Amino acid sequence: MFLRTFYHPSIVCPITKDTVLYILPLAEEYQVLKVKARCQDCMIKTLQLTKGIPQIDTKTLVYYAFNAEQYNLSSALPLVVQMCA
């Protein structure tokens, strides 16, 4: 799944809210910055869609906060903190 997020343009798979937490650690470990940026964009998009509407469960929100902090996702972290407040 990870390789299919960047390996060849004709087979690039989207990063979704269901896969982002699996792909992000691999993108960081193998220093694939484009995939890491796409993961951050996915997290932001998911958080913006749920802003004010409780469509994201608490467990996922905590995982987003942990990963945003651990992988230095500077754009996603403030949104996660705001959602937690």
N, C-alpha and C. Protein backbone atom coordinates (compact mmCIF):
# COMPACT_ATOMS: atom_id res chain seq x y z
N MET A 1 0.82 -1.18 0.00
CA MET A 1 0.00 0.00 0.00
C MET A 1 0.88 1.26 0.00
N PHE A 2 1.92 1.26 0.83
CA PHE A 2 2.79 2.44 0.92
C PHE A 2 3.44 2.75 -0.42
N LEU A 3 4.00 1.74 -1.08
CA LEU A 3 4.66 1.98 -2.37
C LEU A 3 3.69 2.50 -3.42
N ARG A 4 2.45 2.10 -3.31
CA ARG A 4 1.46 2.53 -4.30
C ARG A 4 1.04 3.98 -4.11
N THR A 5 1.51 4.64 -3.06
CA THR A 5 1.17 6.06 -2.87
C THR A 5 2.11 6.99 -3.64
N PHE A 6 3.20 6.44 -4.17
CA PHE A 6 4.14 7.31 -4.90
C PHE A 6 4.92 6.61 -6.00
N TYR A 7 4.89 5.31 -6.09
CA TYR A 7 5.80 4.57 -6.94
C TYR A 7 5.70 4.92 -8.41
N HIS A 8 4.54 4.88 -8.99
CA HIS A 8 4.36 5.18 -10.41
C HIS A 8 3.08 5.98 -10.58
N PRO A 9 3.14 7.08 -11.34
CA PRO A 9 1.96 7.96 -11.46
C PRO A 9 0.69 7.27 -11.94
N SER A 10 0.82 6.23 -12.74
CA SER A 10 -0.39 5.59 -13.27
C SER A 10 -1.08 4.70 -12.24
N ILE A 11 -0.39 4.36 -11.14
CA ILE A 11 -0.99 3.49 -10.14
C ILE A 11 -1.02 4.13 -8.74
N VAL A 12 -0.89 5.43 -8.68
CA VAL A 12 -0.87 6.12 -7.39
C VAL A 12 -2.22 5.95 -6.70
N CYS A 13 -2.18 5.46 -5.48
CA CYS A 13 -3.39 5.27 -4.68
C CYS A 13 -3.60 6.50 -3.78
N PRO A 14 -4.84 6.87 -3.57
CA PRO A 14 -5.09 8.00 -2.68
C PRO A 14 -4.80 7.65 -1.23
N ILE A 15 -4.46 8.66 -0.48
CA ILE A 15 -4.30 8.50 0.96
C ILE A 15 -5.61 8.96 1.57
N THR A 16 -6.22 8.10 2.35
CA THR A 16 -7.54 8.39 2.91
C THR A 16 -7.46 8.43 4.43
N LYS A 17 -8.54 8.83 5.05
CA LYS A 17 -8.58 8.86 6.51
C LYS A 17 -8.41 7.46 7.10
N ASP A 18 -8.69 6.43 6.32
CA ASP A 18 -8.54 5.06 6.79
C ASP A 18 -7.10 4.54 6.66
N THR A 19 -6.31 5.16 5.78
CA THR A 19 -4.95 4.67 5.55
C THR A 19 -3.85 5.61 6.04
N VAL A 20 -4.20 6.84 6.34
CA VAL A 20 -3.19 7.84 6.65
C VAL A 20 -2.30 7.46 7.84
N LEU A 21 -2.89 6.87 8.86
CA LEU A 21 -2.12 6.54 10.06
C LEU A 21 -1.19 5.35 9.85
N TYR A 22 -1.40 4.59 8.80
CA TYR A 22 -0.50 3.49 8.46
C TYR A 22 0.63 3.97 7.54
N ILE A 23 0.31 4.90 6.67
CA ILE A 23 1.27 5.37 5.66
C ILE A 23 2.24 6.40 6.24
N LEU A 24 1.76 7.27 7.12
CA LEU A 24 2.59 8.35 7.66
C LEU A 24 3.88 7.86 8.32
N PRO A 25 3.86 6.86 9.19
CA PRO A 25 5.12 6.40 9.79
C PRO A 25 6.13 5.89 8.75
N LEU A 26 5.63 5.25 7.71
CA LEU A 26 6.52 4.75 6.66
C LEU A 26 7.09 5.90 5.83
N ALA A 27 6.27 6.90 5.56
CA ALA A 27 6.75 8.07 4.82
C ALA A 27 7.85 8.78 5.60
N GLU A 28 7.69 8.85 6.90
CA GLU A 28 8.72 9.46 7.75
C GLU A 28 9.98 8.60 7.79
N GLU A 29 9.82 7.31 8.00
CA GLU A 29 10.97 6.42 8.11
C GLU A 29 11.81 6.40 6.83
N TYR A 30 11.13 6.39 5.69
CA TYR A 30 11.86 6.32 4.42
C TYR A 30 12.05 7.70 3.78
N GLN A 31 11.70 8.75 4.51
CA GLN A 31 11.92 10.14 4.11
C GLN A 31 11.33 10.46 2.73
N VAL A 32 10.09 10.06 2.54
CA VAL A 32 9.36 10.36 1.30
C VAL A 32 8.50 11.59 1.60
N LEU A 33 9.09 12.76 1.39
CA LEU A 33 8.46 14.01 1.82
C LEU A 33 7.15 14.30 1.11
N LYS A 34 7.04 13.93 -0.17
CA LYS A 34 5.79 14.17 -0.89
C LYS A 34 4.64 13.36 -0.28
N VAL A 35 4.92 12.14 0.11
CA VAL A 35 3.88 11.31 0.72
C VAL A 35 3.55 11.84 2.11
N LYS A 36 4.55 12.28 2.84
CA LYS A 36 4.31 12.86 4.16
C LYS A 36 3.42 14.11 4.04
N ALA A 37 3.68 14.93 3.04
CA ALA A 37 2.85 16.12 2.81
C ALA A 37 1.42 15.73 2.43
N ARG A 38 1.28 14.69 1.64
CA ARG A 38 -0.06 14.22 1.27
C ARG A 38 -0.80 13.68 2.49
N CYS A 39 -0.07 13.04 3.40
CA CYS A 39 -0.68 12.56 4.64
C CYS A 39 -1.17 13.74 5.48
N GLN A 40 -0.36 14.76 5.58
CA GLN A 40 -0.77 15.95 6.33
C GLN A 40 -2.00 16.59 5.69
N ASP A 41 -2.01 16.69 4.37
CA ASP A 41 -3.16 17.25 3.67
C ASP A 41 -4.42 16.43 3.93
N CYS A 42 -4.27 15.12 3.95
CA CYS A 42 -5.42 14.24 4.22
C CYS A 42 -5.95 14.47 5.63
N MET A 43 -5.04 14.57 6.59
CA MET A 43 -5.46 14.81 7.97
C MET A 43 -6.18 16.15 8.09
N ILE A 44 -5.64 17.18 7.47
CA ILE A 44 -6.25 18.51 7.51
C ILE A 44 -7.64 18.47 6.88
N LYS A 45 -7.73 17.84 5.73
CA LYS A 45 -9.02 17.75 5.03
C LYS A 45 -10.05 17.01 5.88
N THR A 46 -9.64 15.94 6.52
CA THR A 46 -10.54 15.18 7.38
C THR A 46 -10.99 16.02 8.56
N LEU A 47 -10.07 16.75 9.17
CA LEU A 47 -10.41 17.59 10.32
C LEU A 47 -11.30 18.76 9.92
N GLN A 48 -11.06 19.33 8.75
CA GLN A 48 -11.89 20.45 8.30
C GLN A 48 -13.30 20.00 7.96
N LEU A 49 -13.43 18.79 7.43
CA LEU A 49 -14.76 18.27 7.12
C LEU A 49 -15.56 18.00 8.38
N THR A 50 -14.86 17.69 9.47
CA THR A 50 -15.57 17.35 10.70
C THR A 50 -15.64 18.50 11.69
N LYS A 51 -15.06 19.63 11.35
CA LYS A 51 -15.00 20.76 12.27
C LYS A 51 -16.42 21.17 12.69
N GLY A 52 -16.66 21.09 13.98
CA GLY A 52 -17.97 21.46 14.50
C GLY A 52 -19.00 20.35 14.42
N ILE A 53 -18.67 19.30 13.67
CA ILE A 53 -19.59 18.18 13.54
C ILE A 53 -18.86 16.93 14.04
N PRO A 54 -19.36 16.27 15.04
CA PRO A 54 -18.65 15.13 15.62
C PRO A 54 -18.70 13.88 14.73
N GLN A 55 -17.99 13.93 13.58
CA GLN A 55 -17.94 12.79 12.68
C GLN A 55 -16.64 12.01 12.85
N ILE A 56 -15.74 12.49 13.66
CA ILE A 56 -14.49 11.80 13.90
C ILE A 56 -14.50 11.34 15.36
N ASP A 57 -14.19 10.08 15.56
CA ASP A 57 -14.27 9.56 16.92
C ASP A 57 -13.06 10.01 17.74
N THR A 58 -13.19 9.95 19.04
CA THR A 58 -12.17 10.44 19.96
C THR A 58 -10.86 9.69 19.79
N LYS A 59 -10.93 8.40 19.61
CA LYS A 59 -9.73 7.58 19.44
C LYS A 59 -8.92 8.03 18.22
N THR A 60 -9.59 8.26 17.10
CA THR A 60 -8.91 8.72 15.89
C THR A 60 -8.33 10.11 16.10
N LEU A 61 -9.05 10.97 16.78
CA LEU A 61 -8.56 12.32 17.05
C LEU A 61 -7.29 12.27 17.89
N VAL A 62 -7.24 11.39 18.88
CA VAL A 62 -6.04 11.24 19.70
C VAL A 62 -4.88 10.71 18.85
N TYR A 63 -5.16 9.75 17.98
CA TYR A 63 -4.11 9.24 17.09
C TYR A 63 -3.60 10.34 16.16
N TYR A 64 -4.50 11.17 15.65
CA TYR A 64 -4.09 12.29 14.80
C TYR A 64 -3.19 13.23 15.58
N ALA A 65 -3.56 13.54 16.83
CA ALA A 65 -2.76 14.45 17.65
C ALA A 65 -1.38 13.86 17.90
N PHE A 66 -1.32 12.59 18.25
CA PHE A 66 -0.04 11.92 18.51
C PHE A 66 0.84 11.94 17.27
N ASN A 67 0.28 11.59 16.13
CA ASN A 67 1.07 11.53 14.89
C ASN A 67 1.46 12.92 14.41
N ALA A 68 0.59 13.89 14.53
CA ALA A 68 0.93 15.26 14.12
C ALA A 68 2.10 15.79 14.94
N GLU A 69 2.11 15.47 16.22
CA GLU A 69 3.22 15.89 17.09
C GLU A 69 4.49 15.10 16.77
N GLN A 70 4.36 13.79 16.68
CA GLN A 70 5.52 12.93 16.48
C GLN A 70 6.21 13.19 15.15
N TYR A 71 5.46 13.45 14.10
CA TYR A 71 6.04 13.62 12.77
C TYR A 71 6.11 15.08 12.33
N ASN A 72 5.94 15.98 13.30
CA ASN A 72 6.12 17.41 13.07
C ASN A 72 5.25 17.93 11.91
N LEU A 73 3.99 17.64 11.97
CA LEU A 73 3.04 18.13 10.97
C LEU A 73 2.51 19.48 11.43
N SER A 74 3.26 20.50 11.14
CA SER A 74 3.00 21.83 11.70
C SER A 74 1.67 22.45 11.27
N SER A 75 1.14 22.04 10.15
CA SER A 75 -0.16 22.59 9.73
C SER A 75 -1.33 21.81 10.33
N ALA A 76 -1.14 20.53 10.54
CA ALA A 76 -2.22 19.70 11.07
C ALA A 76 -2.36 19.81 12.59
N LEU A 77 -1.25 20.00 13.28
CA LEU A 77 -1.27 20.00 14.74
C LEU A 77 -2.21 21.05 15.34
N PRO A 78 -2.18 22.30 14.89
CA PRO A 78 -3.11 23.29 15.48
C PRO A 78 -4.58 22.91 15.29
N LEU A 79 -4.92 22.32 14.15
CA LEU A 79 -6.30 21.89 13.92
C LEU A 79 -6.70 20.77 14.87
N VAL A 80 -5.80 19.84 15.09
CA VAL A 80 -6.08 18.74 16.00
C VAL A 80 -6.28 19.28 17.42
N VAL A 81 -5.42 20.17 17.84
CA VAL A 81 -5.53 20.75 19.18
C VAL A 81 -6.85 21.50 19.31
N GLN A 82 -7.22 22.24 18.28
CA GLN A 82 -8.48 22.98 18.30
C GLN A 82 -9.67 22.02 18.39
N MET A 83 -9.60 20.90 17.70
CA MET A 83 -10.69 19.92 17.75
C MET A 83 -10.79 19.27 19.14
N CYS A 84 -9.64 19.12 19.80
CA CYS A 84 -9.62 18.51 21.13
C CYS A 84 -10.17 19.45 22.21
N ALA A 85 -10.09 20.74 21.95
CA ALA A 85 -10.49 21.73 22.97
C ALA A 85 -11.98 21.80 23.14
